[in-house]
C-alpha atoms as a PDB file:
ATOM      1  CA  MET A   1      32.964 -21.067  25.585  1.00  0.00           C
ATOM      2  CA  GLY A   2      34.296 -24.247  24.254  1.00  0.00           C
ATOM      3  CA  TYR A   3      33.986 -26.101  20.986  1.00  0.00           C
ATOM      4  CA  ARG A   4      34.235 -29.616  19.701  1.00  0.00           C
ATOM      5  CA  ARG A   5      34.655 -31.089  16.227  1.00  0.00           C
ATOM      6  CA  LEU A   6      31.946 -33.365  15.010  1.00  0.00           C
ATOM      7  CA  VAL A   7      31.964 -35.546  11.789  1.00  0.00           C
ATOM      8  CA  ASP A   8      28.485 -36.389  11.061  1.00  0.00           C
ATOM      9  CA  ARG A   9      27.123 -39.639   9.493  1.00  0.00           C
ATOM     10  CA  ASP A  10      27.591 -38.067   6.025  1.00  0.00           C
ATOM     11  CA  GLY A  11      31.356 -37.378   6.572  1.00  0.00           C
ATOM     12  CA  GLU A  12      30.793 -33.614   7.012  1.00  0.00           C
ATOM     13  CA  ALA A  13      32.735 -31.720   9.692  1.00  0.00           C
ATOM     14  CA  TRP A  14      31.097 -29.276  12.141  1.00  0.00           C
ATOM     15  CA  ASP A  15      32.373 -27.254  15.042  1.00  0.00           C
ATOM     16  CA  VAL A  16      29.989 -27.490  18.021  1.00  0.00           C
ATOM     17  CA  LYS A  17      30.172 -24.293  20.117  1.00  0.00           C
ATOM     18  CA  ASP A  18      28.366 -23.759  23.387  1.00  0.00           C
ATOM     19  CA  GLU A  19      27.029 -20.138  22.792  1.00  0.00           C
ATOM     20  CA  ASN A  20      25.384 -20.025  26.199  1.00  0.00           C
ATOM     21  CA  ASP A  21      23.629 -22.285  28.686  1.00  0.00           C
ATOM     22  CA  SER A  22      20.591 -22.822  26.279  1.00  0.00           C
ATOM     23  CA  VAL A  23      22.133 -22.768  22.785  1.00  0.00           C
ATOM     24  CA  TRP A  24      24.787 -24.682  21.067  1.00  0.00           C
ATOM     25  CA  ARG A  25      25.822 -23.703  17.513  1.00  0.00           C
ATOM     26  CA  PHE A  26      26.741 -26.276  14.841  1.00  0.00           C
ATOM     27  CA  GLU A  27      29.035 -24.408  12.270  1.00  0.00           C
ATOM     28  CA  PRO A  28      30.169 -26.178   9.131  1.00  0.00           C
ATOM     29  CA  VAL A  29      33.924 -26.391   8.633  1.00  0.00           C
ATOM     30  CA  GLY A  30      36.219 -27.601   5.890  1.00  0.00           C
ATOM     31  CA  GLY A  31      34.392 -28.487   2.698  1.00  0.00           C
ATOM     32  CA  ASN A  32      31.041 -28.762   4.327  1.00  0.00           C
ATOM     33  CA  PRO A  33      28.477 -26.906   2.258  1.00  0.00           C
ATOM     34  CA  SER A  34      25.778 -26.831   4.941  1.00  0.00           C
ATOM     35  CA  THR A  35      24.400 -23.869   6.757  1.00  0.00           C
ATOM     36  CA  ALA A  36      25.124 -23.141  10.498  1.00  0.00           C
ATOM     37  CA  VAL A  37      22.278 -24.092  12.852  1.00  0.00           C
ATOM     38  CA  ASP A  38      21.492 -23.482  16.433  1.00  0.00           C
ATOM     39  CA  ALA A  39      20.401 -26.303  18.653  1.00  0.00           C
ATOM     40  CA  GLN A  40      18.836 -26.382  22.088  1.00  0.00           C
ATOM     41  CA  ALA A  41      21.528 -27.217  24.650  1.00  0.00           C
ATOM     42  CA  PRO A  42      20.840 -30.403  26.664  1.00  0.00           C
ATOM     43  CA  GLY A  43      19.841 -29.548  30.199  1.00  0.00           C
ATOM     44  CA  TYR A  44      21.895 -32.304  31.606  1.00  0.00           C
ATOM     45  CA  GLN A  45      25.334 -31.282  30.132  1.00  0.00           C
ATOM     46  CA  LYS A  46      27.097 -27.942  29.688  1.00  0.00           C
ATOM     47  CA  ASP A  47      30.189 -29.165  27.757  1.00  0.00           C
ATOM     48  CA  PRO A  48      30.035 -30.655  24.217  1.00  0.00           C
ATOM     49  CA  PHE A  49      32.935 -32.972  25.091  1.00  0.00           C
ATOM     50  CA  GLU A  50      30.756 -34.806  27.524  1.00  0.00           C
ATOM     51  CA  LEU A  51      28.205 -35.924  24.904  1.00  0.00           C
ATOM     52  CA  SER A  52      28.692 -38.974  22.689  1.00  0.00           C
ATOM     53  CA  GLN A  53      28.953 -38.581  18.852  1.00  0.00           C
ATOM     54  CA  GLU A  54      25.417 -40.144  18.630  1.00  0.00           C
ATOM     55  CA  GLU A  55      23.925 -37.567  21.021  1.00  0.00           C
ATOM     56  CA  LEU A  56      25.586 -34.746  19.013  1.00  0.00           C
ATOM     57  CA  GLN A  57      24.251 -36.210  15.776  1.00  0.00           C
ATOM     58  CA  ARG A  58      20.769 -36.331  17.189  1.00  0.00           C
ATOM     59  CA  MET A  59      21.078 -32.714  18.208  1.00  0.00           C
ATOM     60  CA  LEU A  60      22.279 -31.752  14.789  1.00  0.00           C
ATOM     61  CA  ASP A  61      19.397 -33.645  13.069  1.00  0.00           C
ATOM     62  CA  GLU A  62      16.804 -32.077  15.328  1.00  0.00           C
ATOM     63  CA  ALA A  63      18.337 -28.558  14.769  1.00  0.00           C
ATOM     64  CA  GLN A  64      18.312 -29.068  11.057  1.00  0.00           C
ATOM     65  CA  ARG A  65      14.677 -30.357  11.087  1.00  0.00           C
ATOM     66  CA  GLN A  66      13.480 -27.443  13.138  1.00  0.00           C
ATOM     67  CA  SER A  67      15.242 -24.822  11.000  1.00  0.00           C
ATOM     68  CA  GLY A  68      14.059 -26.423   7.727  1.00  0.00           C
ATOM     69  CA  VAL A  69      17.820 -26.632   6.589  1.00  0.00           C
ATOM     70  CA  LYS A  70      17.349 -30.267   5.445  1.00  0.00           C
ATOM     71  CA  GLY A  71      13.996 -30.177   3.738  1.00  0.00           C
ATOM     72  CA  GLU A  72      13.797 -33.823   3.079  1.00  0.00           C
ATOM     73  CA  THR A  73      11.888 -35.938   5.504  1.00  0.00           C
ATOM     74  CA  TRP A  74      11.915 -39.745   5.539  1.00  0.00           C
ATOM     75  CA  GLN A  75       8.679 -41.406   4.643  1.00  0.00           C
ATOM     76  CA  ARG A  76       7.877 -45.052   4.617  1.00  0.00           C
ATOM     77  CA  PRO A  77       7.349 -46.272   1.076  1.00  0.00           C
ATOM     78  CA  LYS A  78       3.756 -46.730   0.176  1.00  0.00           C
ATOM     79  CA  LYS A  79       2.730 -50.257  -0.369  1.00  0.00           C
ATOM     80  CA  LYS A  80      -0.266 -51.428  -2.293  1.00  0.00           C
ATOM     81  CA  SER A  81      -3.032 -52.501   0.128  1.00  0.00           C
ATOM     82  CA  PRO A  82      -4.087 -56.089  -0.003  1.00  0.00           C
ATOM     83  CA  PHE A  83      -7.604 -54.997   0.950  1.00  0.00           C
ATOM     84  CA  ILE A  84      -8.285 -52.770  -2.061  1.00  0.00           C
ATOM     85  CA  ASP A  85      -9.504 -54.292  -5.356  1.00  0.00           C
ATOM     86  CA  ASP A  86      -7.754 -53.227  -8.620  1.00  0.00           C
END
Protein backbone atom coordinates (compact mmCIF):
# COMPACT_ATOMS: atom_id res chain seq x y z
CA MET A 1 0.00 0.00 0.00
CA GLY A 2 1.35 3.40 -0.97
CA TYR A 3 0.11 6.93 -0.62
CA ARG A 4 0.57 10.25 -2.28
CA ARG A 5 -0.15 13.80 -1.13
CA LEU A 6 -2.51 15.81 -3.33
CA VAL A 7 -3.28 19.50 -2.97
CA ASP A 8 -6.61 20.10 -4.67
CA ARG A 9 -7.74 23.18 -6.59
CA ASP A 10 -9.05 24.72 -3.36
CA GLY A 11 -5.62 24.39 -1.71
CA GLU A 12 -6.73 21.56 0.61
CA ALA A 13 -4.32 18.65 1.22
CA TRP A 14 -5.30 14.99 0.82
CA ASP A 15 -3.47 11.70 1.24
CA VAL A 16 -4.36 9.35 -1.60
CA LYS A 17 -4.02 5.74 -0.44
CA ASP A 18 -4.44 2.69 -2.61
CA GLU A 19 -6.54 0.52 -0.29
CA ASN A 20 -6.73 -2.32 -2.83
CA ASP A 21 -6.90 -2.89 -6.57
CA SER A 22 -10.35 -1.35 -6.88
CA VAL A 23 -10.50 1.38 -4.20
CA TRP A 24 -8.37 4.42 -3.48
CA ARG A 25 -9.10 6.47 -0.37
CA PHE A 26 -8.78 10.26 -0.24
CA GLU A 27 -8.13 11.28 3.38
CA PRO A 28 -8.03 14.96 4.38
CA VAL A 29 -4.83 16.08 6.12
CA GLY A 30 -3.62 19.23 7.82
CA GLY A 31 -6.37 21.77 8.24
CA ASN A 32 -8.60 20.21 5.58
CA PRO A 33 -12.13 20.10 7.07
CA SER A 34 -13.47 17.70 4.41
CA THR A 35 -14.58 14.11 4.92
CA ALA A 36 -12.60 11.11 3.66
CA VAL A 37 -14.02 9.53 0.50
CA ASP A 38 -13.37 6.34 -1.42
CA ALA A 39 -12.86 6.48 -5.17
CA GLN A 40 -12.90 3.77 -7.78
CA ALA A 41 -9.31 3.01 -8.71
CA PRO A 42 -8.46 3.53 -12.35
CA GLY A 43 -8.13 0.23 -14.15
CA TYR A 44 -5.09 1.39 -16.08
CA GLN A 45 -2.88 2.28 -13.09
CA LYS A 46 -2.17 0.74 -9.69
CA ASP A 47 0.05 3.45 -8.21
CA PRO A 48 -1.16 6.98 -7.28
CA PHE A 49 2.27 8.35 -8.20
CA GLU A 50 1.70 7.40 -11.83
CA LEU A 51 -1.31 9.71 -12.21
CA SER A 52 -1.20 13.43 -12.90
CA GLN A 53 -2.58 16.03 -10.50
CA GLU A 54 -5.47 16.58 -12.93
CA GLU A 55 -6.38 12.89 -13.01
CA LEU A 56 -6.36 12.71 -9.21
CA GLN A 57 -8.47 15.88 -9.00
CA ARG A 58 -11.05 14.34 -11.36
CA MET A 59 -11.11 11.17 -9.23
CA LEU A 60 -11.63 13.25 -6.07
CA ASP A 61 -14.40 15.30 -7.70
CA GLU A 62 -16.21 12.17 -8.86
CA ALA A 63 -15.86 10.44 -5.49
CA GLN A 64 -17.23 13.50 -3.68
CA ARG A 65 -20.09 13.79 -6.16
CA GLN A 66 -21.04 10.13 -5.78
CA SER A 67 -20.84 10.19 -1.99
CA GLY A 68 -22.78 13.44 -1.74
CA VAL A 69 -19.99 15.04 0.31
CA LYS A 70 -20.06 18.18 -1.79
CA GLY A 71 -23.74 18.82 -2.21
CA GLU A 72 -23.41 21.73 -4.54
CA THR A 73 -23.71 21.07 -8.23
CA TRP A 74 -22.86 23.56 -10.90
CA GLN A 75 -25.75 24.76 -12.98
CA ARG A 76 -25.74 27.10 -15.91
CA PRO A 77 -27.28 30.46 -14.99
CA LYS A 78 -30.80 30.79 -16.33
CA LYS A 79 -31.19 33.38 -19.04
CA LYS A 80 -34.38 35.01 -20.04
CA SER A 81 -35.65 33.51 -23.26
CA PRO A 82 -35.88 35.90 -26.21
CA PHE A 83 -38.87 33.89 -27.48
CA ILE A 84 -41.13 34.50 -24.46
CA ASP A 85 -43.22 37.66 -24.21
CA ASP A 86 -43.18 39.53 -20.91
